[in-house]
Each structure stands twice: as structure tokens, then as C-alpha cells.
Amino acid sequence: MNTRQAHWQQVYSTKDTQQLSWFQQSAAQSLAYIMQSELDKSEAIIDIGGGASVLVDELLALDYSNVSVLDISSQALEVAKSRLAKQAERVDWLAIDLLNAEFNTGQFSIWHDRAVFHFLTSENDKASYRQQLNNALKVGGYAIIATFDIGGPTKCSGIDIVQYSWQTLADFVGDSFELVAHCNESHITPFDITQQFTYCLFRKVA
């Protein structure tokens, strides 16, 4: 178990999920961008760092039928599985560090990442992320990436993060993607603290 994995295992083993700063009662903006893509509900979706997020619940409720949830913490995935009960059988659960995951080329039509990418602070890790994204997402597919905005928090769960604007996210994904939409979100934590996020919807064009 690497240091990153050990950290998140401890977080999800010792804390109430609904009291974590990133918890959302509804993944409304993510859902809006997924539906904006207008892809068939049988297309493959992967939620990167989905953990205990309720996005998977909401996708299943809307009859999306090909959903994978990846998280570095198996404990986080167990929280979601327990919540979904029998419905959990409809999901492909991947307990692995994204940077070590093995995907088929063009395996997914939607790549969703709320608050994973901004934890990658080294250039090597960022390059590995971009390689995974480019390999796993098919041409014509969509990437939804959400990070702390410029001026937002500088740390999360005691770990340094990198802030992004929609422009710097667009620069990062590069010419293989076109920016379809972007917006800002003021996320209210369970402790009534406001955190500024930036969301981007990209379409893979090459």
C-alpha cells in the first residue's frame, strides 16, 4: 500500500462520509454536464475518485447502465456499495490508484473527475494522468474535470493541491480536446465553509 492509498484508507475508515469537506448531497453540476453530452445511457462512464460520492446513485436512478467507479480507497467504495445495497451489482468497482490502472484504449465514453486531478502536484504524476485520460477515453467522448478554482483552498484533507482555472485546465488537456463548457461552483462544506471549484466539459477530438 503506497502513502496515498494509506492516507485515503484511513480517512474513509475513521470519518463519517457526510462530514467530509467534499461531500455533496447531489452531484448536480456533474450530472448536468453528463446529460449535456447527450450520449446514450448505455455508453461507458467512469467516475475517477468516485469513492463514496452519490453520483453513481444518481446515474443509476437515471438508468445509466454502464458505470464504473474507481477509487484509491477500497474503504470509500465499500461505503458506496453499502449505501446502494443490491443496486451495487450494477456497477463495476475499481479499487486502484488511477495512475496504476490498466484501461483498454477507448474504453470509456465519459471520464468524470471531481477533485482528483488537483491532488497531483508533480509533473510526472500529471503526465501520467494525461496519458491515462487520453488512452481510456474514446475519440468523440467527453471528459468532465473539476478542481479547486484559482483563489480556492490550497489544501484538502491536509494534502497540498494545485488550483486551476478553466484556461489552465484546457491548456493541460491539450489539443486532443475541445472545451465545450465551463463554470464555477461555490461548494458549501458540511461545516458551512465555501470552496470555489471550476468545472470543465471537454470533448475528445483526436
N, C-alpha and C. Protein backbone atom coordinates (compact mmCIF):
# COMPACT_ATOMS: atom_id res chain seq x y z
N MET A 1 0.86 -1.19 0.00
CA MET A 1 0.00 0.00 0.00
C MET A 1 0.89 1.24 0.00
N ASN A 2 0.70 2.13 -1.00
CA ASN A 2 1.52 3.33 -1.04
C ASN A 2 0.98 4.40 -0.09
N THR A 3 1.73 5.49 0.04
CA THR A 3 1.38 6.54 1.00
C THR A 3 0.02 7.15 0.69
N ARG A 4 -0.25 7.40 -0.59
CA ARG A 4 -1.53 7.99 -0.99
C ARG A 4 -2.68 7.09 -0.59
N GLN A 5 -2.52 5.82 -0.90
CA GLN A 5 -3.59 4.87 -0.59
C GLN A 5 -3.82 4.76 0.91
N ALA A 6 -2.74 4.71 1.68
CA ALA A 6 -2.86 4.60 3.14
C ALA A 6 -3.60 5.80 3.72
N HIS A 7 -3.33 6.98 3.18
CA HIS A 7 -3.99 8.19 3.67
C HIS A 7 -5.50 8.09 3.49
N TRP A 8 -5.93 7.74 2.28
CA TRP A 8 -7.36 7.74 1.99
C TRP A 8 -8.08 6.56 2.63
N GLN A 9 -7.39 5.46 2.82
CA GLN A 9 -7.98 4.35 3.56
C GLN A 9 -8.29 4.79 4.99
N GLN A 10 -7.35 5.52 5.59
CA GLN A 10 -7.56 5.99 6.96
C GLN A 10 -8.71 6.99 7.03
N VAL A 11 -8.78 7.90 6.07
CA VAL A 11 -9.85 8.90 6.06
C VAL A 11 -11.22 8.22 6.04
N TYR A 12 -11.40 7.27 5.13
CA TYR A 12 -12.72 6.65 4.97
C TYR A 12 -13.00 5.58 6.03
N SER A 13 -11.97 5.17 6.74
CA SER A 13 -12.17 4.19 7.81
C SER A 13 -12.52 4.85 9.15
N THR A 14 -12.18 6.13 9.28
CA THR A 14 -12.30 6.79 10.58
C THR A 14 -13.28 7.94 10.63
N LYS A 15 -13.78 8.38 9.47
CA LYS A 15 -14.64 9.57 9.46
C LYS A 15 -15.99 9.28 8.81
N ASP A 16 -17.00 9.99 9.27
CA ASP A 16 -18.33 9.92 8.69
C ASP A 16 -18.30 10.57 7.31
N THR A 17 -18.67 9.83 6.30
CA THR A 17 -18.59 10.33 4.92
C THR A 17 -19.30 11.66 4.75
N GLN A 18 -20.46 11.81 5.37
CA GLN A 18 -21.24 13.04 5.19
C GLN A 18 -20.64 14.24 5.92
N GLN A 19 -19.59 14.01 6.71
CA GLN A 19 -18.90 15.10 7.37
C GLN A 19 -17.56 15.44 6.71
N LEU A 20 -17.28 14.82 5.58
CA LEU A 20 -16.08 15.16 4.83
C LEU A 20 -16.32 16.43 4.02
N SER A 21 -15.30 17.26 3.89
CA SER A 21 -15.49 18.59 3.30
C SER A 21 -15.98 18.53 1.87
N TRP A 22 -15.65 17.46 1.14
CA TRP A 22 -16.02 17.39 -0.28
C TRP A 22 -17.38 16.72 -0.52
N PHE A 23 -18.04 16.30 0.54
CA PHE A 23 -19.30 15.59 0.38
C PHE A 23 -20.37 16.50 -0.26
N GLN A 24 -21.11 15.93 -1.22
CA GLN A 24 -22.24 16.62 -1.85
C GLN A 24 -23.51 15.79 -1.65
N GLN A 25 -24.60 16.47 -1.32
CA GLN A 25 -25.89 15.77 -1.26
C GLN A 25 -26.33 15.35 -2.65
N SER A 26 -25.93 16.13 -3.66
CA SER A 26 -26.22 15.81 -5.05
C SER A 26 -25.08 16.30 -5.92
N ALA A 27 -24.69 15.49 -6.89
CA ALA A 27 -23.63 15.88 -7.83
C ALA A 27 -24.26 16.59 -9.02
N ALA A 28 -24.95 17.69 -8.73
CA ALA A 28 -25.81 18.34 -9.73
C ALA A 28 -25.05 18.83 -10.95
N GLN A 29 -23.92 19.50 -10.76
CA GLN A 29 -23.19 20.04 -11.91
C GLN A 29 -22.59 18.92 -12.75
N SER A 30 -22.08 17.90 -12.11
CA SER A 30 -21.55 16.75 -12.84
C SER A 30 -22.64 16.10 -13.69
N LEU A 31 -23.80 15.90 -13.09
CA LEU A 31 -24.92 15.32 -13.82
C LEU A 31 -25.33 16.18 -15.00
N ALA A 32 -25.34 17.49 -14.80
CA ALA A 32 -25.73 18.40 -15.87
C ALA A 32 -24.80 18.26 -17.08
N TYR A 33 -23.51 18.15 -16.82
CA TYR A 33 -22.55 18.00 -17.92
C TYR A 33 -22.64 16.62 -18.56
N ILE A 34 -22.88 15.59 -17.77
CA ILE A 34 -23.06 14.25 -18.35
C ILE A 34 -24.25 14.24 -19.29
N MET A 35 -25.35 14.85 -18.87
CA MET A 35 -26.54 14.89 -19.72
C MET A 35 -26.35 15.81 -20.92
N GLN A 36 -25.55 16.86 -20.75
CA GLN A 36 -25.27 17.76 -21.87
C GLN A 36 -24.52 17.03 -22.99
N SER A 37 -23.77 16.01 -22.63
CA SER A 37 -23.04 15.25 -23.65
C SER A 37 -23.99 14.54 -24.62
N GLU A 38 -25.22 14.26 -24.17
CA GLU A 38 -26.26 13.63 -24.99
C GLU A 38 -25.85 12.26 -25.51
N LEU A 39 -24.96 11.58 -24.79
CA LEU A 39 -24.59 10.23 -25.18
C LEU A 39 -25.65 9.25 -24.70
N ASP A 40 -25.73 8.13 -25.38
CA ASP A 40 -26.68 7.10 -24.99
C ASP A 40 -26.37 6.61 -23.58
N LYS A 41 -27.40 6.24 -22.84
CA LYS A 41 -27.22 5.84 -21.45
C LYS A 41 -26.55 4.48 -21.30
N SER A 42 -26.31 3.80 -22.41
CA SER A 42 -25.57 2.54 -22.37
C SER A 42 -24.07 2.75 -22.57
N GLU A 43 -23.66 3.99 -22.87
CA GLU A 43 -22.24 4.27 -23.07
C GLU A 43 -21.49 4.15 -21.75
N ALA A 44 -20.20 3.79 -21.82
CA ALA A 44 -19.40 3.54 -20.62
C ALA A 44 -18.96 4.85 -19.97
N ILE A 45 -19.24 4.95 -18.68
CA ILE A 45 -18.86 6.10 -17.86
C ILE A 45 -17.93 5.62 -16.76
N ILE A 46 -16.86 6.38 -16.50
CA ILE A 46 -16.03 6.09 -15.34
C ILE A 46 -15.96 7.33 -14.45
N ASP A 47 -16.20 7.12 -13.15
CA ASP A 47 -16.10 8.18 -12.16
C ASP A 47 -14.76 8.00 -11.45
N ILE A 48 -13.81 8.86 -11.77
CA ILE A 48 -12.46 8.79 -11.21
C ILE A 48 -12.46 9.37 -9.80
N GLY A 49 -12.01 8.58 -8.84
CA GLY A 49 -12.03 9.04 -7.46
C GLY A 49 -13.44 9.15 -6.92
N GLY A 50 -14.34 8.34 -7.48
CA GLY A 50 -15.75 8.42 -7.10
C GLY A 50 -16.01 8.09 -5.66
N GLY A 51 -15.21 7.17 -5.10
CA GLY A 51 -15.31 6.86 -3.68
C GLY A 51 -16.72 6.69 -3.19
N ALA A 52 -17.08 7.49 -2.19
CA ALA A 52 -18.40 7.41 -1.59
C ALA A 52 -19.38 8.42 -2.19
N SER A 53 -19.00 9.03 -3.32
CA SER A 53 -19.85 10.04 -3.95
C SER A 53 -21.22 9.47 -4.33
N VAL A 54 -22.22 10.35 -4.32
CA VAL A 54 -23.59 9.94 -4.68
C VAL A 54 -23.83 10.03 -6.19
N LEU A 55 -22.81 10.41 -6.96
CA LEU A 55 -23.01 10.50 -8.41
C LEU A 55 -23.47 9.16 -8.97
N VAL A 56 -22.87 8.07 -8.50
CA VAL A 56 -23.25 6.75 -9.02
C VAL A 56 -24.71 6.45 -8.72
N ASP A 57 -25.20 6.82 -7.54
CA ASP A 57 -26.61 6.62 -7.20
C ASP A 57 -27.51 7.34 -8.19
N GLU A 58 -27.13 8.58 -8.49
CA GLU A 58 -27.96 9.40 -9.37
C GLU A 58 -27.91 8.91 -10.80
N LEU A 59 -26.77 8.40 -11.24
CA LEU A 59 -26.68 7.83 -12.59
C LEU A 59 -27.54 6.59 -12.72
N LEU A 60 -27.48 5.72 -11.73
CA LEU A 60 -28.31 4.51 -11.77
C LEU A 60 -29.80 4.86 -11.76
N ALA A 61 -30.17 5.87 -10.97
CA ALA A 61 -31.57 6.29 -10.90
C ALA A 61 -32.06 6.82 -12.24
N LEU A 62 -31.11 7.33 -13.06
CA LEU A 62 -31.47 7.85 -14.38
C LEU A 62 -31.28 6.79 -15.47
N ASP A 63 -31.04 5.55 -15.06
CA ASP A 63 -30.95 4.40 -15.96
C ASP A 63 -29.68 4.37 -16.81
N TYR A 64 -28.61 5.01 -16.35
CA TYR A 64 -27.31 4.78 -16.98
C TYR A 64 -26.88 3.36 -16.60
N SER A 65 -26.45 2.59 -17.58
CA SER A 65 -26.31 1.15 -17.35
C SER A 65 -24.88 0.62 -17.45
N ASN A 66 -23.91 1.50 -17.67
CA ASN A 66 -22.53 1.04 -17.87
C ASN A 66 -21.59 1.95 -17.09
N VAL A 67 -21.66 1.86 -15.77
CA VAL A 67 -20.96 2.78 -14.89
C VAL A 67 -19.85 2.07 -14.12
N SER A 68 -18.67 2.68 -14.14
CA SER A 68 -17.54 2.21 -13.33
C SER A 68 -17.16 3.31 -12.34
N VAL A 69 -16.80 2.90 -11.14
CA VAL A 69 -16.34 3.84 -10.12
C VAL A 69 -14.96 3.39 -9.67
N LEU A 70 -13.98 4.28 -9.82
CA LEU A 70 -12.60 3.99 -9.43
C LEU A 70 -12.23 4.84 -8.24
N ASP A 71 -11.58 4.22 -7.27
CA ASP A 71 -11.05 4.99 -6.14
C ASP A 71 -9.83 4.29 -5.57
N ILE A 72 -8.89 5.06 -5.09
CA ILE A 72 -7.69 4.52 -4.49
C ILE A 72 -7.99 3.82 -3.17
N SER A 73 -9.12 4.19 -2.55
CA SER A 73 -9.52 3.62 -1.26
C SER A 73 -10.63 2.59 -1.42
N SER A 74 -10.34 1.35 -1.12
CA SER A 74 -11.37 0.32 -1.15
C SER A 74 -12.43 0.60 -0.09
N GLN A 75 -12.02 1.24 1.01
CA GLN A 75 -12.97 1.56 2.08
C GLN A 75 -14.01 2.56 1.59
N ALA A 76 -13.58 3.53 0.78
CA ALA A 76 -14.54 4.50 0.22
C ALA A 76 -15.56 3.80 -0.66
N LEU A 77 -15.10 2.86 -1.46
CA LEU A 77 -16.01 2.12 -2.33
C LEU A 77 -16.99 1.27 -1.52
N GLU A 78 -16.53 0.75 -0.40
CA GLU A 78 -17.42 -0.05 0.44
C GLU A 78 -18.55 0.79 1.01
N VAL A 79 -18.27 2.07 1.29
CA VAL A 79 -19.33 2.97 1.76
C VAL A 79 -20.41 3.09 0.70
N ALA A 80 -20.00 3.30 -0.54
CA ALA A 80 -20.97 3.44 -1.63
C ALA A 80 -21.72 2.13 -1.88
N LYS A 81 -21.00 1.03 -1.86
CA LYS A 81 -21.65 -0.28 -2.08
C LYS A 81 -22.71 -0.54 -1.02
N SER A 82 -22.38 -0.24 0.22
CA SER A 82 -23.32 -0.46 1.32
C SER A 82 -24.56 0.40 1.14
N ARG A 83 -24.36 1.62 0.73
CA ARG A 83 -25.48 2.54 0.54
C ARG A 83 -26.39 2.07 -0.60
N LEU A 84 -25.79 1.57 -1.66
CA LEU A 84 -26.56 1.14 -2.83
C LEU A 84 -27.21 -0.23 -2.66
N ALA A 85 -26.66 -1.02 -1.72
CA ALA A 85 -27.20 -2.36 -1.46
C ALA A 85 -27.24 -3.18 -2.76
N LYS A 86 -28.38 -3.73 -3.11
CA LYS A 86 -28.50 -4.61 -4.28
C LYS A 86 -28.10 -3.89 -5.57
N GLN A 87 -28.35 -2.57 -5.63
CA GLN A 87 -28.02 -1.80 -6.83
C GLN A 87 -26.52 -1.79 -7.13
N ALA A 88 -25.70 -2.05 -6.11
CA ALA A 88 -24.25 -2.03 -6.29
C ALA A 88 -23.79 -3.06 -7.32
N GLU A 89 -24.59 -4.09 -7.54
CA GLU A 89 -24.24 -5.12 -8.51
C GLU A 89 -24.25 -4.59 -9.94
N ARG A 90 -24.87 -3.44 -10.15
CA ARG A 90 -24.95 -2.85 -11.48
C ARG A 90 -23.71 -2.03 -11.83
N VAL A 91 -22.76 -1.94 -10.90
CA VAL A 91 -21.60 -1.05 -11.06
C VAL A 91 -20.32 -1.87 -11.07
N ASP A 92 -19.34 -1.42 -11.88
CA ASP A 92 -18.01 -2.01 -11.87
C ASP A 92 -17.14 -1.19 -10.91
N TRP A 93 -16.73 -1.80 -9.82
CA TRP A 93 -15.97 -1.11 -8.76
C TRP A 93 -14.48 -1.40 -8.93
N LEU A 94 -13.67 -0.35 -8.99
CA LEU A 94 -12.23 -0.49 -9.23
C LEU A 94 -11.45 0.15 -8.08
N ALA A 95 -10.91 -0.67 -7.19
CA ALA A 95 -10.13 -0.17 -6.06
C ALA A 95 -8.66 -0.17 -6.46
N ILE A 96 -8.21 0.98 -6.99
CA ILE A 96 -6.85 1.06 -7.51
C ILE A 96 -6.44 2.53 -7.62
N ASP A 97 -5.16 2.79 -7.53
CA ASP A 97 -4.61 4.11 -7.82
C ASP A 97 -4.77 4.35 -9.32
N LEU A 98 -5.40 5.44 -9.69
CA LEU A 98 -5.63 5.75 -11.10
C LEU A 98 -4.35 5.65 -11.91
N LEU A 99 -3.25 6.12 -11.37
CA LEU A 99 -2.01 6.17 -12.13
C LEU A 99 -1.46 4.78 -12.43
N ASN A 100 -1.95 3.77 -11.71
CA ASN A 100 -1.52 2.39 -11.94
C ASN A 100 -2.59 1.54 -12.65
N ALA A 101 -3.72 2.15 -12.97
CA ALA A 101 -4.82 1.40 -13.58
C ALA A 101 -4.48 1.01 -15.02
N GLU A 102 -5.02 -0.12 -15.46
CA GLU A 102 -4.84 -0.57 -16.83
C GLU A 102 -6.18 -0.54 -17.55
N PHE A 103 -6.31 0.39 -18.48
CA PHE A 103 -7.54 0.55 -19.25
C PHE A 103 -7.31 0.10 -20.68
N ASN A 104 -8.37 -0.35 -21.31
CA ASN A 104 -8.33 -0.59 -22.75
C ASN A 104 -8.38 0.74 -23.48
N THR A 105 -7.78 0.80 -24.65
CA THR A 105 -7.82 2.02 -25.44
C THR A 105 -9.26 2.34 -25.83
N GLY A 106 -9.68 3.57 -25.56
CA GLY A 106 -11.04 3.98 -25.90
C GLY A 106 -12.12 3.27 -25.12
N GLN A 107 -11.80 2.86 -23.91
CA GLN A 107 -12.73 2.04 -23.12
C GLN A 107 -13.97 2.81 -22.67
N PHE A 108 -13.82 4.13 -22.46
CA PHE A 108 -14.91 4.91 -21.88
C PHE A 108 -15.36 6.04 -22.80
N SER A 109 -16.65 6.37 -22.67
CA SER A 109 -17.22 7.49 -23.42
C SER A 109 -17.29 8.76 -22.56
N ILE A 110 -17.32 8.59 -21.25
CA ILE A 110 -17.31 9.73 -20.33
C ILE A 110 -16.32 9.45 -19.21
N TRP A 111 -15.44 10.41 -19.01
CA TRP A 111 -14.46 10.39 -17.91
C TRP A 111 -14.86 11.51 -16.96
N HIS A 112 -15.22 11.16 -15.74
CA HIS A 112 -15.62 12.17 -14.76
C HIS A 112 -14.64 12.19 -13.61
N ASP A 113 -14.15 13.36 -13.28
CA ASP A 113 -13.20 13.52 -12.17
C ASP A 113 -13.51 14.80 -11.43
N ARG A 114 -14.10 14.65 -10.26
CA ARG A 114 -14.28 15.80 -9.37
C ARG A 114 -13.29 15.66 -8.22
N ALA A 115 -12.25 16.50 -8.27
CA ALA A 115 -11.33 16.66 -7.15
C ALA A 115 -10.33 15.51 -6.96
N VAL A 116 -9.90 14.90 -8.07
CA VAL A 116 -8.74 14.01 -8.01
C VAL A 116 -7.53 14.69 -8.63
N PHE A 117 -7.70 15.21 -9.84
CA PHE A 117 -6.56 15.77 -10.57
C PHE A 117 -5.82 16.82 -9.76
N HIS A 118 -6.55 17.65 -9.00
CA HIS A 118 -5.84 18.75 -8.31
C HIS A 118 -4.91 18.26 -7.19
N PHE A 119 -5.00 16.98 -6.81
CA PHE A 119 -4.07 16.43 -5.82
C PHE A 119 -2.72 16.06 -6.44
N LEU A 120 -2.63 16.01 -7.75
CA LEU A 120 -1.39 15.61 -8.41
C LEU A 120 -0.50 16.84 -8.58
N THR A 121 0.54 16.91 -7.80
CA THR A 121 1.38 18.12 -7.77
C THR A 121 2.69 17.96 -8.53
N SER A 122 3.11 16.73 -8.81
CA SER A 122 4.36 16.54 -9.54
C SER A 122 4.09 16.48 -11.04
N GLU A 123 5.06 16.92 -11.82
CA GLU A 123 4.88 16.90 -13.28
C GLU A 123 4.77 15.48 -13.80
N ASN A 124 5.47 14.55 -13.17
CA ASN A 124 5.39 13.15 -13.60
C ASN A 124 3.98 12.60 -13.39
N ASP A 125 3.38 12.89 -12.23
CA ASP A 125 2.02 12.40 -11.96
C ASP A 125 1.01 13.05 -12.91
N LYS A 126 1.19 14.32 -13.18
CA LYS A 126 0.28 14.99 -14.12
C LYS A 126 0.38 14.38 -15.52
N ALA A 127 1.61 14.09 -15.93
CA ALA A 127 1.80 13.49 -17.24
C ALA A 127 1.17 12.10 -17.30
N SER A 128 1.28 11.34 -16.20
CA SER A 128 0.66 10.01 -16.15
C SER A 128 -0.85 10.11 -16.22
N TYR A 129 -1.41 11.12 -15.54
CA TYR A 129 -2.86 11.34 -15.58
C TYR A 129 -3.30 11.61 -17.01
N ARG A 130 -2.59 12.51 -17.69
CA ARG A 130 -2.97 12.87 -19.07
C ARG A 130 -2.87 11.65 -19.99
N GLN A 131 -1.87 10.82 -19.77
CA GLN A 131 -1.73 9.60 -20.58
C GLN A 131 -2.90 8.66 -20.34
N GLN A 132 -3.30 8.49 -19.08
CA GLN A 132 -4.44 7.63 -18.76
C GLN A 132 -5.72 8.17 -19.40
N LEU A 133 -5.92 9.47 -19.29
CA LEU A 133 -7.11 10.10 -19.87
C LEU A 133 -7.15 9.90 -21.38
N ASN A 134 -6.04 10.17 -22.03
CA ASN A 134 -6.01 10.07 -23.49
C ASN A 134 -6.19 8.65 -23.98
N ASN A 135 -5.67 7.69 -23.23
CA ASN A 135 -5.80 6.30 -23.63
C ASN A 135 -7.21 5.76 -23.38
N ALA A 136 -7.76 6.06 -22.20
CA ALA A 136 -9.01 5.43 -21.78
C ALA A 136 -10.25 6.03 -22.44
N LEU A 137 -10.19 7.30 -22.82
CA LEU A 137 -11.36 7.98 -23.38
C LEU A 137 -11.36 7.88 -24.90
N LYS A 138 -12.45 7.45 -25.46
CA LYS A 138 -12.51 7.29 -26.91
C LYS A 138 -12.68 8.64 -27.60
N VAL A 139 -12.26 8.70 -28.84
CA VAL A 139 -12.48 9.91 -29.64
C VAL A 139 -13.98 10.14 -29.77
N GLY A 140 -14.40 11.38 -29.53
CA GLY A 140 -15.83 11.70 -29.50
C GLY A 140 -16.42 11.62 -28.11
N GLY A 141 -15.64 11.09 -27.16
CA GLY A 141 -16.09 11.03 -25.77
C GLY A 141 -15.87 12.34 -25.05
N TYR A 142 -16.33 12.39 -23.82
CA TYR A 142 -16.30 13.63 -23.04
C TYR A 142 -15.56 13.43 -21.72
N ALA A 143 -14.80 14.46 -21.33
CA ALA A 143 -14.12 14.47 -20.04
C ALA A 143 -14.68 15.63 -19.21
N ILE A 144 -15.11 15.31 -18.01
CA ILE A 144 -15.56 16.32 -17.06
C ILE A 144 -14.53 16.35 -15.94
N ILE A 145 -13.86 17.48 -15.80
CA ILE A 145 -12.82 17.62 -14.78
C ILE A 145 -13.14 18.83 -13.91
N ALA A 146 -13.19 18.60 -12.60
CA ALA A 146 -13.48 19.67 -11.64
C ALA A 146 -12.36 19.72 -10.61
N THR A 147 -11.86 20.94 -10.37
CA THR A 147 -10.78 21.15 -9.41
C THR A 147 -11.08 22.38 -8.57
N PHE A 148 -10.28 22.59 -7.53
CA PHE A 148 -10.36 23.86 -6.82
C PHE A 148 -9.96 24.97 -7.77
N ASP A 149 -10.73 26.04 -7.73
CA ASP A 149 -10.51 27.20 -8.60
C ASP A 149 -9.35 28.05 -8.07
N ILE A 150 -8.85 28.92 -8.94
CA ILE A 150 -7.86 29.91 -8.51
C ILE A 150 -8.47 30.74 -7.38
N GLY A 151 -7.75 30.84 -6.28
CA GLY A 151 -8.27 31.56 -5.12
C GLY A 151 -9.03 30.67 -4.15
N GLY A 152 -9.21 29.40 -4.51
CA GLY A 152 -9.87 28.45 -3.62
C GLY A 152 -8.88 27.89 -2.61
N PRO A 153 -9.23 26.77 -1.99
CA PRO A 153 -8.34 26.17 -0.99
C PRO A 153 -6.99 25.78 -1.59
N THR A 154 -5.97 25.77 -0.75
CA THR A 154 -4.64 25.35 -1.16
C THR A 154 -4.31 23.94 -0.65
N LYS A 155 -5.16 23.45 0.24
CA LYS A 155 -5.00 22.09 0.76
C LYS A 155 -6.38 21.44 0.87
N CYS A 156 -6.38 20.11 0.88
CA CYS A 156 -7.59 19.35 1.15
C CYS A 156 -7.19 18.09 1.89
N SER A 157 -7.86 17.80 2.97
CA SER A 157 -7.54 16.63 3.79
C SER A 157 -6.07 16.66 4.23
N GLY A 158 -5.55 17.87 4.44
CA GLY A 158 -4.17 18.03 4.89
C GLY A 158 -3.13 17.87 3.80
N ILE A 159 -3.56 17.74 2.56
CA ILE A 159 -2.64 17.49 1.43
C ILE A 159 -2.64 18.70 0.50
N ASP A 160 -1.45 19.07 0.02
CA ASP A 160 -1.34 20.17 -0.93
C ASP A 160 -2.08 19.83 -2.22
N ILE A 161 -2.68 20.85 -2.81
CA ILE A 161 -3.34 20.68 -4.12
C ILE A 161 -2.82 21.75 -5.07
N VAL A 162 -3.21 21.65 -6.33
CA VAL A 162 -2.91 22.66 -7.34
C VAL A 162 -4.23 23.27 -7.80
N GLN A 163 -4.33 24.59 -7.74
CA GLN A 163 -5.54 25.26 -8.20
C GLN A 163 -5.50 25.42 -9.73
N TYR A 164 -6.69 25.41 -10.34
CA TYR A 164 -6.78 25.58 -11.79
C TYR A 164 -7.93 26.53 -12.15
N SER A 165 -7.74 27.22 -13.24
CA SER A 165 -8.84 27.93 -13.91
C SER A 165 -9.26 27.10 -15.10
N TRP A 166 -10.36 27.49 -15.75
CA TRP A 166 -10.75 26.73 -16.94
C TRP A 166 -9.68 26.83 -18.02
N GLN A 167 -8.98 27.99 -18.06
CA GLN A 167 -7.94 28.15 -19.08
C GLN A 167 -6.76 27.20 -18.84
N THR A 168 -6.34 27.07 -17.57
CA THR A 168 -5.19 26.21 -17.30
C THR A 168 -5.56 24.73 -17.43
N LEU A 169 -6.82 24.39 -17.14
CA LEU A 169 -7.25 23.01 -17.39
C LEU A 169 -7.27 22.72 -18.89
N ALA A 170 -7.73 23.68 -19.67
CA ALA A 170 -7.75 23.50 -21.13
C ALA A 170 -6.33 23.36 -21.67
N ASP A 171 -5.42 24.15 -21.14
CA ASP A 171 -4.02 24.03 -21.56
C ASP A 171 -3.47 22.65 -21.21
N PHE A 172 -3.86 22.15 -20.04
CA PHE A 172 -3.34 20.85 -19.60
C PHE A 172 -3.80 19.71 -20.50
N VAL A 173 -5.09 19.65 -20.82
CA VAL A 173 -5.56 18.51 -21.62
C VAL A 173 -5.06 18.59 -23.05
N GLY A 174 -4.81 19.79 -23.55
CA GLY A 174 -4.14 19.95 -24.83
C GLY A 174 -5.05 19.89 -26.05
N ASP A 175 -4.42 19.81 -27.20
CA ASP A 175 -5.13 19.94 -28.48
C ASP A 175 -6.00 18.75 -28.84
N SER A 176 -5.86 17.65 -28.10
CA SER A 176 -6.72 16.50 -28.37
C SER A 176 -8.15 16.72 -27.89
N PHE A 177 -8.37 17.83 -27.18
CA PHE A 177 -9.68 18.12 -26.61
C PHE A 177 -10.14 19.52 -26.99
N GLU A 178 -11.46 19.64 -27.17
CA GLU A 178 -12.04 20.97 -27.32
C GLU A 178 -12.89 21.26 -26.09
N LEU A 179 -12.85 22.51 -25.64
CA LEU A 179 -13.64 22.92 -24.49
C LEU A 179 -15.08 23.16 -24.93
N VAL A 180 -16.00 22.42 -24.34
CA VAL A 180 -17.42 22.55 -24.67
C VAL A 180 -18.11 23.54 -23.74
N ALA A 181 -17.77 23.47 -22.45
CA ALA A 181 -18.41 24.33 -21.46
C ALA A 181 -17.54 24.40 -20.21
N HIS A 182 -17.72 25.47 -19.46
CA HIS A 182 -17.04 25.58 -18.17
C HIS A 182 -17.89 26.44 -17.25
N CYS A 183 -17.72 26.24 -15.96
CA CYS A 183 -18.47 27.04 -14.98
C CYS A 183 -17.75 26.99 -13.65
N ASN A 184 -18.17 27.86 -12.76
CA ASN A 184 -17.66 27.85 -11.39
C ASN A 184 -18.76 27.38 -10.45
N GLU A 185 -18.36 26.77 -9.37
CA GLU A 185 -19.32 26.30 -8.36
C GLU A 185 -18.82 26.71 -6.99
N SER A 186 -19.72 27.22 -6.18
CA SER A 186 -19.42 27.50 -4.78
C SER A 186 -19.94 26.33 -3.96
N HIS A 187 -19.01 25.47 -3.57
CA HIS A 187 -19.38 24.28 -2.81
C HIS A 187 -19.43 24.63 -1.32
N ILE A 188 -20.53 24.34 -0.67
CA ILE A 188 -20.68 24.57 0.76
C ILE A 188 -20.38 23.27 1.49
N THR A 189 -19.34 23.28 2.30
CA THR A 189 -18.95 22.07 3.03
C THR A 189 -19.94 21.81 4.17
N PRO A 190 -19.90 20.62 4.78
CA PRO A 190 -20.75 20.34 5.94
C PRO A 190 -20.49 21.28 7.12
N PHE A 191 -19.38 22.03 7.04
CA PHE A 191 -19.03 22.97 8.11
C PHE A 191 -19.35 24.41 7.72
N ASP A 192 -20.17 24.57 6.66
CA ASP A 192 -20.60 25.89 6.17
C ASP A 192 -19.44 26.76 5.70
N ILE A 193 -18.43 26.13 5.17
CA ILE A 193 -17.32 26.84 4.55
C ILE A 193 -17.51 26.75 3.03
N THR A 194 -17.31 27.87 2.35
CA THR A 194 -17.47 27.90 0.89
C THR A 194 -16.14 27.62 0.20
N GLN A 195 -16.16 26.66 -0.71
CA GLN A 195 -14.99 26.32 -1.50
C GLN A 195 -15.31 26.55 -2.97
N GLN A 196 -14.42 27.25 -3.67
CA GLN A 196 -14.64 27.55 -5.07
C GLN A 196 -14.05 26.47 -5.96
N PHE A 197 -14.90 25.91 -6.82
CA PHE A 197 -14.49 24.90 -7.80
C PHE A 197 -14.63 25.47 -9.21
N THR A 198 -13.82 24.95 -10.12
CA THR A 198 -14.04 25.19 -11.54
C THR A 198 -14.31 23.86 -12.21
N TYR A 199 -15.32 23.83 -13.08
CA TYR A 199 -15.72 22.62 -13.81
C TYR A 199 -15.51 22.86 -15.30
N CYS A 200 -14.96 21.85 -15.97
CA CYS A 200 -14.81 21.93 -17.43
C CYS A 200 -15.41 20.67 -18.07
N LEU A 201 -16.08 20.87 -19.18
CA LEU A 201 -16.55 19.78 -20.03
C LEU A 201 -15.78 19.84 -21.33
N PHE A 202 -15.01 18.79 -21.60
CA PHE A 202 -14.21 18.70 -22.81
C PHE A 202 -14.72 17.56 -23.70
N ARG A 203 -14.55 17.74 -24.99
CA ARG A 203 -14.82 16.66 -25.95
C ARG A 203 -13.52 16.26 -26.60
N LYS A 204 -13.26 14.95 -26.64
CA LYS A 204 -12.03 14.47 -27.25
C LYS A 204 -12.19 14.45 -28.78
N VAL A 205 -11.30 15.14 -29.44
CA VAL A 205 -11.44 15.28 -30.90
C VAL A 205 -10.35 14.56 -31.68
N ALA A 206 -9.35 14.05 -30.98
CA ALA A 206 -8.26 13.34 -31.67
C ALA A 206 -7.59 12.36 -30.73
